[in-house]
Amino acid sequence: HNMQQAARVSDVTAFFYIGKLIEVDKTKSMFTKPSLKQTEDYITGRFG
């Protein structure tokens, strides 16, 4: 998955991990200030 492409072309983003929905938010919010640390860690490449 290309995170930059997702951020550029989507209005809403969902983060799934091992088949479980973790977080859904407006793309801008998700990529600038995610609600959950797990989402932030994934977006910033700390895991995944």
PDB file of N, CA and C in Angstrom:
ATOM      1  N   HIS A   1       0.843  -1.177   0.000  1.00  0.00           N
ATOM      2  CA  HIS A   1       0.000   0.000   0.000  1.00  0.00           C
ATOM      3  C   HIS A   1       0.887   1.238   0.000  1.00  0.00           C
ATOM      4  N   ASN A   2       0.503   2.218  -0.772  1.00  0.00           N
ATOM      5  CA  ASN A   2       1.238   3.463  -0.836  1.00  0.00           C
ATOM      6  C   ASN A   2       0.516   4.499   0.018  1.00  0.00           C
ATOM      7  N   MET A   3       1.105   4.845   1.150  1.00  0.00           N
ATOM      8  CA  MET A   3       0.457   5.763   2.090  1.00  0.00           C
ATOM      9  C   MET A   3       0.302   7.162   1.502  1.00  0.00           C
ATOM     10  N   GLN A   4       1.276   7.623   0.738  1.00  0.00           N
ATOM     11  CA  GLN A   4       1.179   8.947   0.133  1.00  0.00           C
ATOM     12  C   GLN A   4       0.031   9.004  -0.866  1.00  0.00           C
ATOM     13  N   GLN A   5      -0.139   7.948  -1.630  1.00  0.00           N
ATOM     14  CA  GLN A   5      -1.241   7.881  -2.599  1.00  0.00           C
ATOM     15  C   GLN A   5      -2.582   7.893  -1.872  1.00  0.00           C
ATOM     16  N   ALA A   6      -2.708   7.131  -0.825  1.00  0.00           N
ATOM     17  CA  ALA A   6      -3.956   7.101  -0.048  1.00  0.00           C
ATOM     18  C   ALA A   6      -4.266   8.479   0.516  1.00  0.00           C
ATOM     19  N   ALA A   7      -3.272   9.147   1.035  1.00  0.00           N
ATOM     20  CA  ALA A   7      -3.478  10.486   1.600  1.00  0.00           C
ATOM     21  C   ALA A   7      -3.892  11.485   0.528  1.00  0.00           C
ATOM     22  N   ARG A   8      -3.391  11.307  -0.670  1.00  0.00           N
ATOM     23  CA  ARG A   8      -3.666  12.257  -1.748  1.00  0.00           C
ATOM     24  C   ARG A   8      -5.043  12.072  -2.373  1.00  0.00           C
ATOM     25  N   VAL A   9      -5.522  10.853  -2.494  1.00  0.00           N
ATOM     26  CA  VAL A   9      -6.734  10.606  -3.291  1.00  0.00           C
ATOM     27  C   VAL A   9      -7.994  10.296  -2.488  1.00  0.00           C
ATOM     28  N   SER A  10      -7.895  10.173  -1.177  1.00  0.00           N
ATOM     29  CA  SER A  10      -9.081   9.759  -0.416  1.00  0.00           C
ATOM     30  C   SER A  10      -9.591  10.861   0.502  1.00  0.00           C
ATOM     31  N   ASP A  11     -10.884  10.798   0.773  1.00  0.00           N
ATOM     32  CA  ASP A  11     -11.516  11.725   1.714  1.00  0.00           C
ATOM     33  C   ASP A  11     -11.573  11.128   3.115  1.00  0.00           C
ATOM     34  N   VAL A  12     -11.758   9.817   3.165  1.00  0.00           N
ATOM     35  CA  VAL A  12     -11.861   9.095   4.432  1.00  0.00           C
ATOM     36  C   VAL A  12     -10.902   7.911   4.380  1.00  0.00           C
ATOM     37  N   THR A  13     -10.232   7.654   5.492  1.00  0.00           N
ATOM     38  CA  THR A  13      -9.274   6.553   5.568  1.00  0.00           C
ATOM     39  C   THR A  13      -9.643   5.633   6.725  1.00  0.00           C
ATOM     40  N   ALA A  14      -9.504   4.337   6.486  1.00  0.00           N
ATOM     41  CA  ALA A  14      -9.719   3.342   7.535  1.00  0.00           C
ATOM     42  C   ALA A  14      -8.420   2.571   7.727  1.00  0.00           C
ATOM     43  N   PHE A  15      -8.082   2.298   8.961  1.00  0.00           N
ATOM     44  CA  PHE A  15      -6.905   1.504   9.289  1.00  0.00           C
ATOM     45  C   PHE A  15      -7.375   0.178   9.866  1.00  0.00           C
ATOM     46  N   PHE A  16      -6.993  -0.894   9.189  1.00  0.00           N
ATOM     47  CA  PHE A  16      -7.290  -2.248   9.642  1.00  0.00           C
ATOM     48  C   PHE A  16      -5.980  -2.907  10.045  1.00  0.00           C
ATOM     49  N   TYR A  17      -6.029  -3.751  11.059  1.00  0.00           N
ATOM     50  CA  TYR A  17      -4.853  -4.509  11.465  1.00  0.00           C
ATOM     51  C   TYR A  17      -5.295  -5.927  11.793  1.00  0.00           C
ATOM     52  N   ILE A  18      -4.717  -6.872  11.094  1.00  0.00           N
ATOM     53  CA  ILE A  18      -5.034  -8.296  11.246  1.00  0.00           C
ATOM     54  C   ILE A  18      -6.551  -8.516  11.169  1.00  0.00           C
ATOM     55  N   GLY A  19      -7.168  -7.902  10.176  1.00  0.00           N
ATOM     56  CA  GLY A  19      -8.591  -8.099   9.927  1.00  0.00           C
ATOM     57  C   GLY A  19      -9.526  -7.340  10.847  1.00  0.00           C
ATOM     58  N   LYS A  20      -8.992  -6.535  11.738  1.00  0.00           N
ATOM     59  CA  LYS A  20      -9.815  -5.784  12.685  1.00  0.00           C
ATOM     60  C   LYS A  20      -9.754  -4.297  12.351  1.00  0.00           C
ATOM     61  N   LEU A  21     -10.923  -3.655  12.321  1.00  0.00           N
ATOM     62  CA  LEU A  21     -10.976  -2.216  12.083  1.00  0.00           C
ATOM     63  C   LEU A  21     -10.479  -1.496  13.332  1.00  0.00           C
ATOM     64  N   ILE A  22      -9.431  -0.715  13.170  1.00  0.00           N
ATOM     65  CA  ILE A  22      -8.823  -0.020  14.300  1.00  0.00           C
ATOM     66  C   ILE A  22      -9.316   1.418  14.393  1.00  0.00           C
ATOM     67  N   GLU A  23      -9.337   2.127  13.253  1.00  0.00           N
ATOM     68  CA  GLU A  23      -9.711   3.546  13.275  1.00  0.00           C
ATOM     69  C   GLU A  23     -10.217   3.969  11.902  1.00  0.00           C
ATOM     70  N   VAL A  24     -11.207   4.860  11.892  1.00  0.00           N
ATOM     71  CA  VAL A  24     -11.724   5.479  10.672  1.00  0.00           C
ATOM     72  C   VAL A  24     -11.834   6.971  10.945  1.00  0.00           C
ATOM     73  N   ASP A  25     -11.379   7.782   9.995  1.00  0.00           N
ATOM     74  CA  ASP A  25     -11.467   9.231  10.175  1.00  0.00           C
ATOM     75  C   ASP A  25     -11.291   9.912   8.826  1.00  0.00           C
ATOM     76  N   LYS A  26     -11.512  11.204   8.799  1.00  0.00           N
ATOM     77  CA  LYS A  26     -11.203  11.981   7.602  1.00  0.00           C
ATOM     78  C   LYS A  26      -9.706  11.823   7.352  1.00  0.00           C
ATOM     79  N   THR A  27      -9.350  11.699   6.094  1.00  0.00           N
ATOM     80  CA  THR A  27      -7.958  11.421   5.736  1.00  0.00           C
ATOM     81  C   THR A  27      -7.000  12.447   6.315  1.00  0.00           C
ATOM     82  N   LYS A  28      -7.339  13.723   6.189  1.00  0.00           N
ATOM     83  CA  LYS A  28      -6.436  14.762   6.695  1.00  0.00           C
ATOM     84  C   LYS A  28      -6.174  14.576   8.187  1.00  0.00           C
ATOM     85  N   SER A  29      -7.219  14.288   8.952  1.00  0.00           N
ATOM     86  CA  SER A  29      -7.057  14.061  10.394  1.00  0.00           C
ATOM     87  C   SER A  29      -6.238  12.808  10.671  1.00  0.00           C
ATOM     88  N   MET A  30      -6.535  11.757   9.928  1.00  0.00           N
ATOM     89  CA  MET A  30      -5.848  10.480  10.142  1.00  0.00           C
ATOM     90  C   MET A  30      -4.341  10.625   9.919  1.00  0.00           C
ATOM     91  N   PHE A  31      -3.949  11.378   8.894  1.00  0.00           N
ATOM     92  CA  PHE A  31      -2.532  11.485   8.560  1.00  0.00           C
ATOM     93  C   PHE A  31      -1.806  12.582   9.330  1.00  0.00           C
ATOM     94  N   THR A  32      -2.538  13.510   9.946  1.00  0.00           N
ATOM     95  CA  THR A  32      -1.878  14.576  10.698  1.00  0.00           C
ATOM     96  C   THR A  32      -1.965  14.384  12.204  1.00  0.00           C
ATOM     97  N   LYS A  33      -3.066  13.827  12.677  1.00  0.00           N
ATOM     98  CA  LYS A  33      -3.231  13.614  14.118  1.00  0.00           C
ATOM     99  C   LYS A  33      -4.181  12.448  14.360  1.00  0.00           C
ATOM    100  N   PRO A  34      -3.705  11.225  14.146  1.00  0.00           N
ATOM    101  CA  PRO A  34      -4.563  10.061  14.378  1.00  0.00           C
ATOM    102  C   PRO A  34      -4.976   9.984  15.847  1.00  0.00           C
ATOM    103  N   SER A  35      -6.146   9.412  16.079  1.00  0.00           N
ATOM    104  CA  SER A  35      -6.669   9.307  17.446  1.00  0.00           C
ATOM    105  C   SER A  35      -5.932   8.265  18.280  1.00  0.00           C
ATOM    106  N   LEU A  36      -5.435   7.235  17.627  1.00  0.00           N
ATOM    107  CA  LEU A  36      -4.819   6.121  18.352  1.00  0.00           C
ATOM    108  C   LEU A  36      -3.323   6.008  18.062  1.00  0.00           C
ATOM    109  N   LYS A  37      -2.555   5.663  19.082  1.00  0.00           N
ATOM    110  CA  LYS A  37      -1.110   5.496  18.910  1.00  0.00           C
ATOM    111  C   LYS A  37      -0.795   4.387  17.908  1.00  0.00           C
ATOM    112  N   GLN A  38      -1.580   3.324  17.908  1.00  0.00           N
ATOM    113  CA  GLN A  38      -1.343   2.219  16.973  1.00  0.00           C
ATOM    114  C   GLN A  38      -1.447   2.714  15.527  1.00  0.00           C
ATOM    115  N   THR A  39      -2.417   3.561  15.249  1.00  0.00           N
ATOM    116  CA  THR A  39      -2.563   4.129  13.909  1.00  0.00           C
ATOM    117  C   THR A  39      -1.372   5.015  13.580  1.00  0.00           C
ATOM    118  N   GLU A  40      -0.981   5.857  14.504  1.00  0.00           N
ATOM    119  CA  GLU A  40       0.171   6.739  14.296  1.00  0.00           C
ATOM    120  C   GLU A  40       1.438   5.931  14.032  1.00  0.00           C
ATOM    121  N   ASP A  41       1.639   4.878  14.799  1.00  0.00           N
ATOM    122  CA  ASP A  41       2.819   4.029  14.608  1.00  0.00           C
ATOM    123  C   ASP A  41       2.835   3.416  13.211  1.00  0.00           C
ATOM    124  N   TYR A  42       1.686   3.007  12.717  1.00  0.00           N
ATOM    125  CA  TYR A  42       1.620   2.414  11.378  1.00  0.00           C
ATOM    126  C   TYR A  42       1.896   3.469  10.302  1.00  0.00           C
ATOM    127  N   ILE A  43       1.229   4.604  10.406  1.00  0.00           N
ATOM    128  CA  ILE A  43       1.379   5.665   9.401  1.00  0.00           C
ATOM    129  C   ILE A  43       2.821   6.159   9.340  1.00  0.00           C
ATOM    130  N   THR A  44       3.475   6.246  10.477  1.00  0.00           N
ATOM    131  CA  THR A  44       4.849   6.748  10.506  1.00  0.00           C
ATOM    132  C   THR A  44       5.893   5.662  10.252  1.00  0.00           C
ATOM    133  N   GLY A  45       5.447   4.429  10.037  1.00  0.00           N
ATOM    134  CA  GLY A  45       6.372   3.357   9.698  1.00  0.00           C
ATOM    135  C   GLY A  45       7.048   2.696  10.880  1.00  0.00           C
ATOM    136  N   ARG A  46       6.539   2.915  12.074  1.00  0.00           N
ATOM    137  CA  ARG A  46       7.139   2.281  13.249  1.00  0.00           C
ATOM    138  C   ARG A  46       6.852   0.791  13.299  1.00  0.00           C
ATOM    139  N   PHE A  47       5.776   0.366  12.642  1.00  0.00           N
ATOM    140  CA  PHE A  47       5.519  -1.064  12.464  1.00  0.00           C
ATOM    141  C   PHE A  47       4.687  -1.243  11.214  1.00  0.00           C
ATOM    142  N   GLY A  48       4.631  -2.499  10.717  1.00  0.00           N
ATOM    143  CA  GLY A  48       3.782  -2.773   9.568  1.00  0.00           C
ATOM    144  C   GLY A  48       4.468  -3.148   8.348  1.00  0.00           C
TER     145      GLY A  48
END
